[in-house]
């Protein structure tokens, strides 16, 4: 995203050509041709990183809100798949993930060893 990195903005997308460049938040980003924030509207499914997902589809990200702001612009949104490690998918009855009004639920979860449909 461009602008103040502390304020959530829609994510920009680029072609993964195998090269990376420093991003505004101290992470590496694909440095191929930029596609713009609207490129996500053409996606059939969106893979969303997470730190934790519960069995009701509530996702804990890294607190920046960038994915949620980006997903808000999609109408209708394609299916969302949370990507976590096996131990980061938790039972919502035992450890419910807190959510806010801007948070988006995921439709499924993919871990290294399993797939869970949540809808």
PDB file of N, CA and C in Angstrom:
ATOM      1  N   UNK A   1       0.813  -1.192   0.000  1.00  0.00           N
ATOM      2  CA  UNK A   1       0.000   0.000   0.000  1.00  0.00           C
ATOM      3  C   UNK A   1       0.855   1.254   0.000  1.00  0.00           C
ATOM      4  N   UNK A   2       0.328   2.291  -0.586  1.00  0.00           N
ATOM      5  CA  UNK A   2       1.010   3.571  -0.598  1.00  0.00           C
ATOM      6  C   UNK A   2       0.468   4.424   0.533  1.00  0.00           C
ATOM      7  N   UNK A   3       1.164   5.503   0.872  1.00  0.00           N
ATOM      8  CA  UNK A   3       0.684   6.401   1.910  1.00  0.00           C
ATOM      9  C   UNK A   3       1.207   5.993   3.268  1.00  0.00           C
ATOM     10  N   UNK A   4       0.543   6.471   4.311  1.00  0.00           N
ATOM     11  CA  UNK A   4       0.941   6.198   5.685  1.00  0.00           C
ATOM     12  C   UNK A   4       0.764   4.714   5.981  1.00  0.00           C
ATOM     13  N   UNK A   5       1.845   3.968   6.271  1.00  0.00           N
ATOM     14  CA  UNK A   5       1.727   2.523   6.484  1.00  0.00           C
ATOM     15  C   UNK A   5       0.973   2.155   7.749  1.00  0.00           C
ATOM     16  N   UNK A   6       0.667   3.122   8.616  1.00  0.00           N
ATOM     17  CA  UNK A   6      -0.075   2.822   9.844  1.00  0.00           C
ATOM     18  C   UNK A   6      -1.580   2.859   9.622  1.00  0.00           C
ATOM     19  N   UNK A   7      -2.031   3.430   8.502  1.00  0.00           N
ATOM     20  CA  UNK A   7      -3.457   3.542   8.211  1.00  0.00           C
ATOM     21  C   UNK A   7      -3.814   2.470   7.184  1.00  0.00           C
ATOM     22  N   UNK A   8      -4.734   1.548   7.528  1.00  0.00           N
ATOM     23  CA  UNK A   8      -5.084   0.484   6.576  1.00  0.00           C
ATOM     24  C   UNK A   8      -5.611   1.047   5.262  1.00  0.00           C
ATOM     25  N   UNK A   9      -5.019   0.577   4.185  1.00  0.00           N
ATOM     26  CA  UNK A   9      -5.436   0.937   2.841  1.00  0.00           C
ATOM     27  C   UNK A   9      -5.614  -0.348   2.057  1.00  0.00           C
ATOM     28  N   UNK A  10      -6.293  -0.237   0.923  1.00  0.00           N
ATOM     29  CA  UNK A  10      -6.455  -1.418   0.070  1.00  0.00           C
ATOM     30  C   UNK A  10      -5.092  -1.907  -0.391  1.00  0.00           C
ATOM     31  N   UNK A  11      -4.921  -3.209  -0.378  1.00  0.00           N
ATOM     32  CA  UNK A  11      -3.672  -3.802  -0.824  1.00  0.00           C
ATOM     33  C   UNK A  11      -3.544  -3.705  -2.341  1.00  0.00           C
ATOM     34  N   UNK A  12      -2.333  -3.519  -2.804  1.00  0.00           N
ATOM     35  CA  UNK A  12      -2.033  -3.543  -4.233  1.00  0.00           C
ATOM     36  C   UNK A  12      -1.541  -4.952  -4.557  1.00  0.00           C
ATOM     37  N   UNK A  13      -1.665  -5.356  -5.796  1.00  0.00           N
ATOM     38  CA  UNK A  13      -1.277  -6.698  -6.213  1.00  0.00           C
ATOM     39  C   UNK A  13      -0.277  -6.590  -7.345  1.00  0.00           C
ATOM     40  N   UNK A  14       0.595  -7.584  -7.454  1.00  0.00           N
ATOM     41  CA  UNK A  14       1.570  -7.590  -8.538  1.00  0.00           C
ATOM     42  C   UNK A  14       1.805  -9.017  -8.996  1.00  0.00           C
ATOM     43  N   UNK A  15       2.373  -9.127 -10.172  1.00  0.00           N
ATOM     44  CA  UNK A  15       2.708 -10.424 -10.745  1.00  0.00           C
ATOM     45  C   UNK A  15       3.907 -10.979  -9.991  1.00  0.00           C
ATOM     46  N   UNK A  16       3.830 -12.248  -9.606  1.00  0.00           N
ATOM     47  CA  UNK A  16       4.954 -12.897  -8.933  1.00  0.00           C
ATOM     48  C   UNK A  16       5.890 -13.442 -10.008  1.00  0.00           C
ATOM     49  N   UNK A  17       6.953 -12.689 -10.274  1.00  0.00           N
ATOM     50  CA  UNK A  17       7.929 -13.121 -11.276  1.00  0.00           C
ATOM     51  C   UNK A  17       9.172 -13.727 -10.628  1.00  0.00           C
ATOM     52  N   UNK A  18       9.076 -14.015  -9.331  1.00  0.00           N
ATOM     53  CA  UNK A  18      10.184 -14.633  -8.624  1.00  0.00           C
ATOM     54  C   UNK A  18      11.136 -13.646  -7.980  1.00  0.00           C
ATOM     55  N   UNK A  19      10.925 -12.351  -8.187  1.00  0.00           N
ATOM     56  CA  UNK A  19      11.787 -11.351  -7.567  1.00  0.00           C
ATOM     57  C   UNK A  19      10.991 -10.590  -6.511  1.00  0.00           C
ATOM     58  N   UNK A  20      11.696 -10.030  -5.539  1.00  0.00           N
ATOM     59  CA  UNK A  20      11.042  -9.269  -4.495  1.00  0.00           C
ATOM     60  C   UNK A  20      11.748  -7.933  -4.298  1.00  0.00           C
ATOM     61  N   UNK A  21      11.040  -7.031  -3.638  1.00  0.00           N
ATOM     62  CA  UNK A  21      11.575  -5.716  -3.301  1.00  0.00           C
ATOM     63  C   UNK A  21      11.063  -5.362  -1.909  1.00  0.00           C
ATOM     64  N   UNK A  22      11.753  -4.471  -1.204  1.00  0.00           N
ATOM     65  CA  UNK A  22      11.259  -4.061   0.117  1.00  0.00           C
ATOM     66  C   UNK A  22       9.905  -3.381   0.015  1.00  0.00           C
ATOM     67  N   UNK A  23       9.005  -3.711   0.943  1.00  0.00           N
ATOM     68  CA  UNK A  23       7.685  -3.089   0.988  1.00  0.00           C
ATOM     69  C   UNK A  23       7.645  -2.004   2.050  1.00  0.00           C
ATOM     70  N   UNK A  24       6.550  -1.248   2.103  1.00  0.00           N
ATOM     71  CA  UNK A  24       6.460  -0.125   3.039  1.00  0.00           C
ATOM     72  C   UNK A  24       6.360  -0.537   4.505  1.00  0.00           C
ATOM     73  N   UNK A  25       6.026  -1.777   4.774  1.00  0.00           N
ATOM     74  CA  UNK A  25       5.870  -2.224   6.157  1.00  0.00           C
ATOM     75  C   UNK A  25       7.042  -3.080   6.621  1.00  0.00           C
ATOM     76  N   UNK A  26       8.147  -3.023   5.886  1.00  0.00           N
ATOM     77  CA  UNK A  26       9.323  -3.790   6.256  1.00  0.00           C
ATOM     78  C   UNK A  26       9.291  -5.230   5.791  1.00  0.00           C
ATOM     79  N   UNK A  27       8.334  -5.583   4.957  1.00  0.00           N
ATOM     80  CA  UNK A  27       8.244  -6.928   4.415  1.00  0.00           C
ATOM     81  C   UNK A  27       8.709  -6.912   2.962  1.00  0.00           C
ATOM     82  N   UNK A  28       8.892  -8.077   2.414  1.00  0.00           N
ATOM     83  CA  UNK A  28       9.269  -8.187   0.995  1.00  0.00           C
ATOM     84  C   UNK A  28       7.992  -8.399   0.190  1.00  0.00           C
ATOM     85  N   UNK A  29       7.952  -7.833  -0.995  1.00  0.00           N
ATOM     86  CA  UNK A  29       6.795  -7.959  -1.882  1.00  0.00           C
ATOM     87  C   UNK A  29       7.263  -8.364  -3.264  1.00  0.00           C
ATOM     88  N   UNK A  30       6.396  -9.072  -3.991  1.00  0.00           N
ATOM     89  CA  UNK A  30       6.711  -9.403  -5.378  1.00  0.00           C
ATOM     90  C   UNK A  30       6.954  -8.108  -6.141  1.00  0.00           C
ATOM     91  N   UNK A  31       7.977  -8.103  -6.974  1.00  0.00           N
ATOM     92  CA  UNK A  31       8.325  -6.868  -7.679  1.00  0.00           C
ATOM     93  C   UNK A  31       7.970  -6.906  -9.159  1.00  0.00           C
ATOM     94  N   UNK A  32       7.110  -7.858  -9.548  1.00  0.00           N
ATOM     95  CA  UNK A  32       6.669  -7.915 -10.941  1.00  0.00           C
ATOM     96  C   UNK A  32       5.712  -6.777 -11.253  1.00  0.00           C
ATOM     97  N   UNK A  33       5.129  -6.821 -12.432  1.00  0.00           N
ATOM     98  CA  UNK A  33       4.211  -5.766 -12.878  1.00  0.00           C
ATOM     99  C   UNK A  33       3.088  -5.565 -11.872  1.00  0.00           C
ATOM    100  N   UNK A  34       2.833  -4.304 -11.526  1.00  0.00           N
ATOM    101  CA  UNK A  34       1.763  -3.989 -10.569  1.00  0.00           C
ATOM    102  C   UNK A  34       0.414  -4.087 -11.266  1.00  0.00           C
ATOM    103  N   UNK A  35      -0.548  -4.680 -10.551  1.00  0.00           N
ATOM    104  CA  UNK A  35      -1.882  -4.899 -11.103  1.00  0.00           C
ATOM    105  C   UNK A  35      -2.918  -3.945 -10.528  1.00  0.00           C
ATOM    106  N   UNK A  36      -2.597  -3.301  -9.402  1.00  0.00           N
ATOM    107  CA  UNK A  36      -3.525  -2.373  -8.771  1.00  0.00           C
ATOM    108  C   UNK A  36      -4.461  -3.064  -7.803  1.00  0.00           C
ATOM    109  N   UNK A  37      -5.104  -2.283  -6.930  1.00  0.00           N
ATOM    110  CA  UNK A  37      -5.993  -2.843  -5.908  1.00  0.00           C
ATOM    111  C   UNK A  37      -7.226  -3.539  -6.476  1.00  0.00           C
ATOM    112  N   UNK A  38      -7.658  -3.167  -7.655  1.00  0.00           N
ATOM    113  CA  UNK A  38      -8.874  -3.755  -8.229  1.00  0.00           C
ATOM    114  C   UNK A  38      -8.653  -5.143  -8.821  1.00  0.00           C
ATOM    115  N   UNK A  39      -7.405  -5.584  -8.940  1.00  0.00           N
ATOM    116  CA  UNK A  39      -7.121  -6.897  -9.529  1.00  0.00           C
ATOM    117  C   UNK A  39      -7.773  -8.021  -8.741  1.00  0.00           C
ATOM    118  N   UNK A  40      -7.958  -7.840  -7.462  1.00  0.00           N
ATOM    119  CA  UNK A  40      -8.556  -8.879  -6.626  1.00  0.00           C
ATOM    120  C   UNK A  40     -10.007  -9.167  -7.009  1.00  0.00           C
ATOM    121  N   UNK A  41     -10.663  -8.219  -7.648  1.00  0.00           N
ATOM    122  CA  UNK A  41     -12.061  -8.412  -8.052  1.00  0.00           C
ATOM    123  C   UNK A  41     -12.205  -9.557  -9.050  1.00  0.00           C
ATOM    124  N   UNK A  42     -11.138  -9.912  -9.740  1.00  0.00           N
ATOM    125  CA  UNK A  42     -11.177 -11.000 -10.721  1.00  0.00           C
ATOM    126  C   UNK A  42     -10.833 -12.358 -10.126  1.00  0.00           C
ATOM    127  N   UNK A  43     -10.529 -12.394  -8.838  1.00  0.00           N
ATOM    128  CA  UNK A  43     -10.115 -13.651  -8.204  1.00  0.00           C
ATOM    129  C   UNK A  43     -11.311 -14.587  -8.006  1.00  0.00           C
ATOM    130  N   UNK A  44     -11.082 -15.873  -8.197  1.00  0.00           N
ATOM    131  CA  UNK A  44     -12.102 -16.886  -7.935  1.00  0.00           C
ATOM    132  C   UNK A  44     -12.124 -17.277  -6.463  1.00  0.00           C
ATOM    133  N   UNK A  45     -11.001 -17.110  -5.793  1.00  0.00           N
ATOM    134  CA  UNK A  45     -10.842 -17.408  -4.370  1.00  0.00           C
ATOM    135  C   UNK A  45      -9.709 -16.529  -3.855  1.00  0.00           C
ATOM    136  N   UNK A  46      -9.768 -16.150  -2.575  1.00  0.00           N
ATOM    137  CA  UNK A  46      -8.716 -15.336  -1.981  1.00  0.00           C
ATOM    138  C   UNK A  46      -8.118 -16.098  -0.800  1.00  0.00           C
ATOM    139  N   UNK A  47      -6.807 -16.302  -0.839  1.00  0.00           N
ATOM    140  CA  UNK A  47      -6.081 -16.930   0.252  1.00  0.00           C
ATOM    141  C   UNK A  47      -5.648 -15.828   1.205  1.00  0.00           C
ATOM    142  N   UNK A  48      -6.091 -15.925   2.468  1.00  0.00           N
ATOM    143  CA  UNK A  48      -5.877 -14.867   3.440  1.00  0.00           C
ATOM    144  C   UNK A  48      -4.981 -15.395   4.565  1.00  0.00           C
ATOM    145  N   UNK A  49      -3.822 -14.766   4.782  1.00  0.00           N
ATOM    146  CA  UNK A  49      -2.974 -15.223   5.882  1.00  0.00           C
ATOM    147  C   UNK A  49      -3.627 -14.929   7.227  1.00  0.00           C
ATOM    148  N   UNK A  50      -3.298 -15.741   8.215  1.00  0.00           N
ATOM    149  CA  UNK A  50      -3.878 -15.555   9.545  1.00  0.00           C
ATOM    150  C   UNK A  50      -2.913 -16.077  10.595  1.00  0.00           C
ATOM    151  N   UNK A  51      -3.074 -15.579  11.792  1.00  0.00           N
ATOM    152  CA  UNK A  51      -2.339 -16.098  12.946  1.00  0.00           C
ATOM    153  C   UNK A  51      -3.163 -17.148  13.672  1.00  0.00           C
ATOM    154  N   UNK A  52      -4.506 -17.036  13.535  1.00  0.00           N
ATOM    155  CA  UNK A  52      -5.423 -17.933  14.216  1.00  0.00           C
ATOM    156  C   UNK A  52      -6.769 -17.843  13.515  1.00  0.00           C
ATOM    157  N   UNK A  53      -7.444 -18.973  13.366  1.00  0.00           N
ATOM    158  CA  UNK A  53      -8.809 -19.016  12.832  1.00  0.00           C
ATOM    159  C   UNK A  53      -9.598 -19.975  13.708  1.00  0.00           C
ATOM    160  N   UNK A  54     -10.826 -19.579  14.047  1.00  0.00           N
ATOM    161  CA  UNK A  54     -11.649 -20.517  14.813  1.00  0.00           C
ATOM    162  C   UNK A  54     -12.631 -21.217  13.882  1.00  0.00           C
ATOM    163  N   UNK A  55     -13.320 -22.221  14.417  1.00  0.00           N
ATOM    164  CA  UNK A  55     -14.193 -23.070  13.605  1.00  0.00           C
ATOM    165  C   UNK A  55     -15.464 -22.372  13.135  1.00  0.00           C
ATOM    166  N   UNK A  56     -15.664 -21.114  13.525  1.00  0.00           N
ATOM    167  CA  UNK A  56     -16.762 -20.311  12.984  1.00  0.00           C
ATOM    168  C   UNK A  56     -16.279 -19.362  11.888  1.00  0.00           C
ATOM    169  N   UNK A  57     -14.987 -19.452  11.541  1.00  0.00           N
ATOM    170  CA  UNK A  57     -14.446 -18.647  10.454  1.00  0.00           C
ATOM    171  C   UNK A  57     -13.901 -17.290  10.863  1.00  0.00           C
ATOM    172  N   UNK A  58     -13.839 -17.054  12.167  1.00  0.00           N
ATOM    173  CA  UNK A  58     -13.275 -15.784  12.638  1.00  0.00           C
ATOM    174  C   UNK A  58     -11.761 -15.860  12.559  1.00  0.00           C
ATOM    175  N   UNK A  59     -11.170 -14.834  11.936  1.00  0.00           N
ATOM    176  CA  UNK A  59      -9.747 -14.822  11.625  1.00  0.00           C
ATOM    177  C   UNK A  59      -9.036 -13.740  12.417  1.00  0.00           C
ATOM    178  N   UNK A  60      -7.888 -14.106  12.978  1.00  0.00           N
ATOM    179  CA  UNK A  60      -7.022 -13.136  13.629  1.00  0.00           C
ATOM    180  C   UNK A  60      -5.842 -12.887  12.704  1.00  0.00           C
ATOM    181  N   UNK A  61      -5.740 -11.661  12.214  1.00  0.00           N
ATOM    182  CA  UNK A  61      -4.606 -11.294  11.374  1.00  0.00           C
ATOM    183  C   UNK A  61      -3.520 -10.670  12.226  1.00  0.00           C
ATOM    184  N   UNK A  62      -2.761  -9.775  11.622  1.00  0.00           N
ATOM    185  CA  UNK A  62      -1.679  -9.141  12.368  1.00  0.00           C
ATOM    186  C   UNK A  62      -2.085  -7.763  12.877  1.00  0.00           C
ATOM    187  N   UNK A  63      -3.366  -7.429  12.796  1.00  0.00           N
ATOM    188  CA  UNK A  63      -3.862  -6.216  13.407  1.00  0.00           C
ATOM    189  C   UNK A  63      -3.774  -4.960  12.561  1.00  0.00           C
ATOM    190  N   UNK A  64      -3.318  -5.075  11.334  1.00  0.00           N
ATOM    191  CA  UNK A  64      -3.194  -3.892  10.498  1.00  0.00           C
ATOM    192  C   UNK A  64      -4.479  -3.495   9.794  1.00  0.00           C
ATOM    193  N   UNK A  65      -5.358  -4.455   9.535  1.00  0.00           N
ATOM    194  CA  UNK A  65      -6.623  -4.173   8.873  1.00  0.00           C
ATOM    195  C   UNK A  65      -6.542  -4.062   7.364  1.00  0.00           C
ATOM    196  N   UNK A  66      -5.370  -4.314   6.766  1.00  0.00           N
ATOM    197  CA  UNK A  66      -5.209  -4.142   5.318  1.00  0.00           C
ATOM    198  C   UNK A  66      -6.073  -5.125   4.524  1.00  0.00           C
ATOM    199  N   UNK A  67      -6.107  -6.397   4.949  1.00  0.00           N
ATOM    200  CA  UNK A  67      -6.943  -7.362   4.231  1.00  0.00           C
ATOM    201  C   UNK A  67      -8.420  -7.016   4.384  1.00  0.00           C
ATOM    202  N   UNK A  68      -8.846  -6.622   5.568  1.00  0.00           N
ATOM    203  CA  UNK A  68     -10.256  -6.291   5.774  1.00  0.00           C
ATOM    204  C   UNK A  68     -10.681  -5.096   4.931  1.00  0.00           C
ATOM    205  N   UNK A  69      -9.859  -4.070   4.853  1.00  0.00           N
ATOM    206  CA  UNK A  69     -10.167  -2.901   4.015  1.00  0.00           C
ATOM    207  C   UNK A  69     -10.230  -3.321   2.551  1.00  0.00           C
ATOM    208  N   UNK A  70      -9.304  -4.164   2.138  1.00  0.00           N
ATOM    209  CA  UNK A  70      -9.281  -4.643   0.751  1.00  0.00           C
ATOM    210  C   UNK A  70     -10.523  -5.476   0.441  1.00  0.00           C
ATOM    211  N   UNK A  71     -10.891  -6.366   1.357  1.00  0.00           N
ATOM    212  CA  UNK A  71     -12.046  -7.234   1.134  1.00  0.00           C
ATOM    213  C   UNK A  71     -13.357  -6.458   1.148  1.00  0.00           C
ATOM    214  N   UNK A  72     -13.417  -5.356   1.887  1.00  0.00           N
ATOM    215  CA  UNK A  72     -14.621  -4.516   1.903  1.00  0.00           C
ATOM    216  C   UNK A  72     -14.977  -4.011   0.516  1.00  0.00           C
ATOM    217  N   UNK A  73     -13.972  -3.810  -0.329  1.00  0.00           N
ATOM    218  CA  UNK A  73     -14.200  -3.262  -1.668  1.00  0.00           C
ATOM    219  C   UNK A  73     -14.750  -4.308  -2.635  1.00  0.00           C
ATOM    220  N   UNK A  74     -14.739  -5.567  -2.253  1.00  0.00           N
ATOM    221  CA  UNK A  74     -15.204  -6.634  -3.145  1.00  0.00           C
ATOM    222  C   UNK A  74     -16.677  -6.909  -2.909  1.00  0.00           C
ATOM    223  N   UNK A  75     -17.472  -6.728  -3.895  1.00  0.00           N
ATOM    224  CA  UNK A  75     -18.903  -7.024  -3.823  1.00  0.00           C
ATOM    225  C   UNK A  75     -19.326  -7.715  -5.107  1.00  0.00           C
ATOM    226  N   UNK A  76     -19.713  -8.942  -5.066  1.00  0.00           N
ATOM    227  CA  UNK A  76     -19.632  -9.836  -3.912  1.00  0.00           C
ATOM    228  C   UNK A  76     -18.195 -10.324  -3.733  1.00  0.00           C
ATOM    229  N   UNK A  77     -17.847 -10.676  -2.535  1.00  0.00           N
ATOM    230  CA  UNK A  77     -16.501 -11.187  -2.256  1.00  0.00           C
ATOM    231  C   UNK A  77     -16.406 -12.639  -2.695  1.00  0.00           C
ATOM    232  N   UNK A  78     -15.282 -13.037  -3.272  1.00  0.00           N
ATOM    233  CA  UNK A  78     -15.087 -14.456  -3.590  1.00  0.00           C
ATOM    234  C   UNK A  78     -14.896 -15.235  -2.291  1.00  0.00           C
ATOM    235  N   UNK A  79     -14.922 -16.553  -2.350  1.00  0.00           N
ATOM    236  CA  UNK A  79     -14.663 -17.338  -1.140  1.00  0.00           C
ATOM    237  C   UNK A  79     -13.303 -16.986  -0.541  1.00  0.00           C
ATOM    238  N   UNK A  80     -13.253 -16.921   0.789  1.00  0.00           N
ATOM    239  CA  UNK A  80     -12.020 -16.597   1.497  1.00  0.00           C
ATOM    240  C   UNK A  80     -11.510 -17.836   2.205  1.00  0.00           C
ATOM    241  N   UNK A  81     -10.224 -18.138   2.031  1.00  0.00           N
ATOM    242  CA  UNK A  81      -9.599 -19.294   2.664  1.00  0.00           C
ATOM    243  C   UNK A  81      -8.489 -18.792   3.578  1.00  0.00           C
ATOM    244  N   UNK A  82      -8.629 -19.050   4.878  1.00  0.00           N
ATOM    245  CA  UNK A  82      -7.597 -18.683   5.843  1.00  0.00           C
ATOM    246  C   UNK A  82      -6.466 -19.684   5.800  1.00  0.00           C
ATOM    247  N   UNK A  83      -5.241 -19.198   5.787  1.00  0.00           N
ATOM    248  CA  UNK A  83      -4.054 -20.053   5.774  1.00  0.00           C
ATOM    249  C   UNK A  83      -3.398 -20.011   7.143  1.00  0.00           C
ATOM    250  N   UNK A  84      -3.332 -21.160   7.812  1.00  0.00           N
ATOM    251  CA  UNK A  84      -2.732 -21.252   9.138  1.00  0.00           C
ATOM    252  C   UNK A  84      -1.990 -22.581   9.287  1.00  0.00           C
ATOM    253  N   UNK A  85      -1.193 -22.669  10.350  1.00  0.00           N
ATOM    254  CA  UNK A  85      -0.589 -23.949  10.724  1.00  0.00           C
ATOM    255  C   UNK A  85      -1.666 -24.791  11.407  1.00  0.00           C
ATOM    256  N   UNK A  86      -1.425 -26.094  11.498  1.00  0.00           N
ATOM    257  CA  UNK A  86      -2.427 -27.003  12.070  1.00  0.00           C
ATOM    258  C   UNK A  86      -2.913 -26.569  13.456  1.00  0.00           C
ATOM    259  N   UNK A  87      -2.012 -26.138  14.312  1.00  0.00           N
ATOM    260  CA  UNK A  87      -2.406 -25.778  15.675  1.00  0.00           C
ATOM    261  C   UNK A  87      -2.998 -24.372  15.776  1.00  0.00           C
ATOM    262  N   UNK A  88      -3.143 -23.678  14.655  1.00  0.00           N
ATOM    263  CA  UNK A  88      -3.722 -22.336  14.644  1.00  0.00           C
ATOM    264  C   UNK A  88      -5.189 -22.327  14.197  1.00  0.00           C
ATOM    265  N   UNK A  89      -5.758 -23.505  13.968  1.00  0.00           N
ATOM    266  CA  UNK A  89      -7.195 -23.660  13.766  1.00  0.00           C
ATOM    267  C   UNK A  89      -7.746 -24.161  15.087  1.00  0.00           C
ATOM    268  N   UNK A  90      -8.607 -23.338  15.719  1.00  0.00           N
ATOM    269  CA  UNK A  90      -9.061 -23.648  17.068  1.00  0.00           C
ATOM    270  C   UNK A  90     -10.580 -23.789  17.125  1.00  0.00           C
ATOM    271  N   UNK A  91     -11.037 -24.559  18.102  1.00  0.00           N
ATOM    272  CA  UNK A  91     -12.466 -24.752  18.345  1.00  0.00           C
ATOM    273  C   UNK A  91     -13.051 -23.448  18.894  1.00  0.00           C
ATOM    274  N   UNK A  92     -14.057 -22.908  18.203  1.00  0.00           N
ATOM    275  CA  UNK A  92     -14.657 -21.633  18.600  1.00  0.00           C
ATOM    276  C   UNK A  92     -15.310 -21.702  19.976  1.00  0.00           C
ATOM    277  N   UNK A  93     -15.749 -22.885  20.400  1.00  0.00           N
ATOM    278  CA  UNK A  93     -16.352 -23.021  21.732  1.00  0.00           C
ATOM    279  C   UNK A  93     -15.302 -22.926  22.840  1.00  0.00           C
ATOM    280  N   UNK A  94     -14.082 -23.338  22.542  1.00  0.00           N
ATOM    281  CA  UNK A  94     -13.016 -23.341  23.545  1.00  0.00           C
ATOM    282  C   UNK A  94     -12.166 -22.077  23.511  1.00  0.00           C
ATOM    283  N   UNK A  95     -11.932 -21.562  22.320  1.00  0.00           N
ATOM    284  CA  UNK A  95     -11.078 -20.384  22.165  1.00  0.00           C
ATOM    285  C   UNK A  95     -11.624 -19.514  21.024  1.00  0.00           C
ATOM    286  N   UNK A  96     -12.708 -18.788  21.282  1.00  0.00           N
ATOM    287  CA  UNK A  96     -13.274 -17.953  20.223  1.00  0.00           C
ATOM    288  C   UNK A  96     -12.321 -16.806  19.868  1.00  0.00           C
ATOM    289  N   UNK A  97     -12.153 -16.580  18.572  1.00  0.00           N
ATOM    290  CA  UNK A  97     -11.308 -15.483  18.102  1.00  0.00           C
ATOM    291  C   UNK A  97     -12.116 -14.190  18.180  1.00  0.00           C
ATOM    292  N   UNK A  98     -11.577 -13.168  18.833  1.00  0.00           N
ATOM    293  CA  UNK A  98     -12.311 -11.893  18.909  1.00  0.00           C
ATOM    294  C   UNK A  98     -12.395 -11.235  17.529  1.00  0.00           C
ATOM    295  N   UNK A  99     -13.509 -10.571  17.288  1.00  0.00           N
ATOM    296  CA  UNK A  99     -13.686  -9.894  16.007  1.00  0.00           C
ATOM    297  C   UNK A  99     -14.229  -8.493  16.236  1.00  0.00           C
ATOM    298  N   UNK A 100     -14.000  -7.670  15.238  1.00  0.00           N
ATOM    299  CA  UNK A 100     -14.546  -6.322  15.224  1.00  0.00           C
ATOM    300  C   UNK A 100     -15.494  -6.182  14.056  1.00  0.00           C
ATOM    301  N   UNK A 101     -16.116  -5.031  13.943  1.00  0.00           N
ATOM    302  CA  UNK A 101     -17.119  -4.847  12.898  1.00  0.00           C
ATOM    303  C   UNK A 101     -16.530  -4.871  11.487  1.00  0.00           C
ATOM    304  N   UNK A 102     -15.235  -4.635  11.338  1.00  0.00           N
ATOM    305  CA  UNK A 102     -14.607  -4.634  10.021  1.00  0.00           C
ATOM    306  C   UNK A 102     -14.057  -5.991   9.618  1.00  0.00           C
ATOM    307  N   UNK A 103     -14.020  -6.939  10.548  1.00  0.00           N
ATOM    308  CA  UNK A 103     -13.409  -8.236  10.277  1.00  0.00           C
ATOM    309  C   UNK A 103     -14.286  -9.070   9.342  1.00  0.00           C
ATOM    310  N   UNK A 104     -13.628  -9.819   8.470  1.00  0.00           N
ATOM    311  CA  UNK A 104     -14.307 -10.707   7.529  1.00  0.00           C
ATOM    312  C   UNK A 104     -14.106 -12.149   7.952  1.00  0.00           C
ATOM    313  N   UNK A 105     -15.169 -12.924   7.892  1.00  0.00           N
ATOM    314  CA  UNK A 105     -15.079 -14.355   8.183  1.00  0.00           C
ATOM    315  C   UNK A 105     -14.501 -15.078   6.978  1.00  0.00           C
ATOM    316  N   UNK A 106     -13.761 -16.159   7.242  1.00  0.00           N
ATOM    317  CA  UNK A 106     -13.283 -16.993   6.139  1.00  0.00           C
ATOM    318  C   UNK A 106     -14.273 -18.135   5.925  1.00  0.00           C
ATOM    319  N   UNK A 107     -14.323 -18.611   4.692  1.00  0.00           N
ATOM    320  CA  UNK A 107     -15.241 -19.682   4.320  1.00  0.00           C
ATOM    321  C   UNK A 107     -14.642 -21.065   4.524  1.00  0.00           C
ATOM    322  N   UNK A 108     -13.315 -21.118   4.528  1.00  0.00           N
ATOM    323  CA  UNK A 108     -12.600 -22.387   4.680  1.00  0.00           C
ATOM    324  C   UNK A 108     -11.233 -22.094   5.279  1.00  0.00           C
ATOM    325  N   UNK A 109     -10.591 -23.157   5.749  1.00  0.00           N
ATOM    326  CA  UNK A 109      -9.243 -23.038   6.302  1.00  0.00           C
ATOM    327  C   UNK A 109      -8.372 -24.111   5.667  1.00  0.00           C
ATOM    328  N   UNK A 110      -7.165 -23.703   5.271  1.00  0.00           N
ATOM    329  CA  UNK A 110      -6.172 -24.648   4.767  1.00  0.00           C
ATOM    330  C   UNK A 110      -4.974 -24.629   5.705  1.00  0.00           C
ATOM    331  N   UNK A 111      -4.566 -25.832   6.122  1.00  0.00           N
ATOM    332  CA  UNK A 111      -3.366 -25.988   6.941  1.00  0.00           C
ATOM    333  C   UNK A 111      -2.422 -26.893   6.144  1.00  0.00           C
ATOM    334  N   UNK A 112      -1.220 -27.121   6.628  1.00  0.00           N
ATOM    335  CA  UNK A 112      -0.321 -28.022   5.899  1.00  0.00           C
ATOM    336  C   UNK A 112      -0.856 -29.442   5.749  1.00  0.00           C
ATOM    337  N   UNK A 113      -1.784 -29.863   6.637  1.00  0.00           N
ATOM    338  CA  UNK A 113      -2.243 -31.255   6.571  1.00  0.00           C
ATOM    339  C   UNK A 113      -3.742 -31.434   6.371  1.00  0.00           C
ATOM    340  N   UNK A 114      -4.516 -30.349   6.383  1.00  0.00           N
ATOM    341  CA  UNK A 114      -5.963 -30.548   6.257  1.00  0.00           C
ATOM    342  C   UNK A 114      -6.659 -29.322   5.678  1.00  0.00           C
ATOM    343  N   UNK A 115      -7.899 -29.577   5.295  1.00  0.00           N
ATOM    344  CA  UNK A 115      -8.786 -28.545   4.742  1.00  0.00           C
ATOM    345  C   UNK A 115     -10.086 -28.617   5.521  1.00  0.00           C
ATOM    346  N   UNK A 116     -10.610 -27.441   5.934  1.00  0.00           N
ATOM    347  CA  UNK A 116     -11.880 -27.382   6.659  1.00  0.00           C
ATOM    348  C   UNK A 116     -12.805 -26.415   5.938  1.00  0.00           C
ATOM    349  N   UNK A 117     -13.968 -26.896   5.494  1.00  0.00           N
ATOM    350  CA  UNK A 117     -15.011 -26.010   5.005  1.00  0.00           C
ATOM    351  C   UNK A 117     -15.780 -25.507   6.224  1.00  0.00           C
ATOM    352  N   UNK A 118     -15.993 -24.192   6.308  1.00  0.00           N
ATOM    353  CA  UNK A 118     -16.634 -23.629   7.476  1.00  0.00           C
ATOM    354  C   UNK A 118     -18.033 -23.111   7.186  1.00  0.00           C
ATOM    355  N   UNK A 119     -18.450 -23.113   5.960  1.00  0.00           N
ATOM    356  CA  UNK A 119     -19.802 -22.612   5.629  1.00  0.00           C
ATOM    357  C   UNK A 119     -20.705 -23.761   5.253  1.00  0.00           C
TER     358      UNK A 119
END
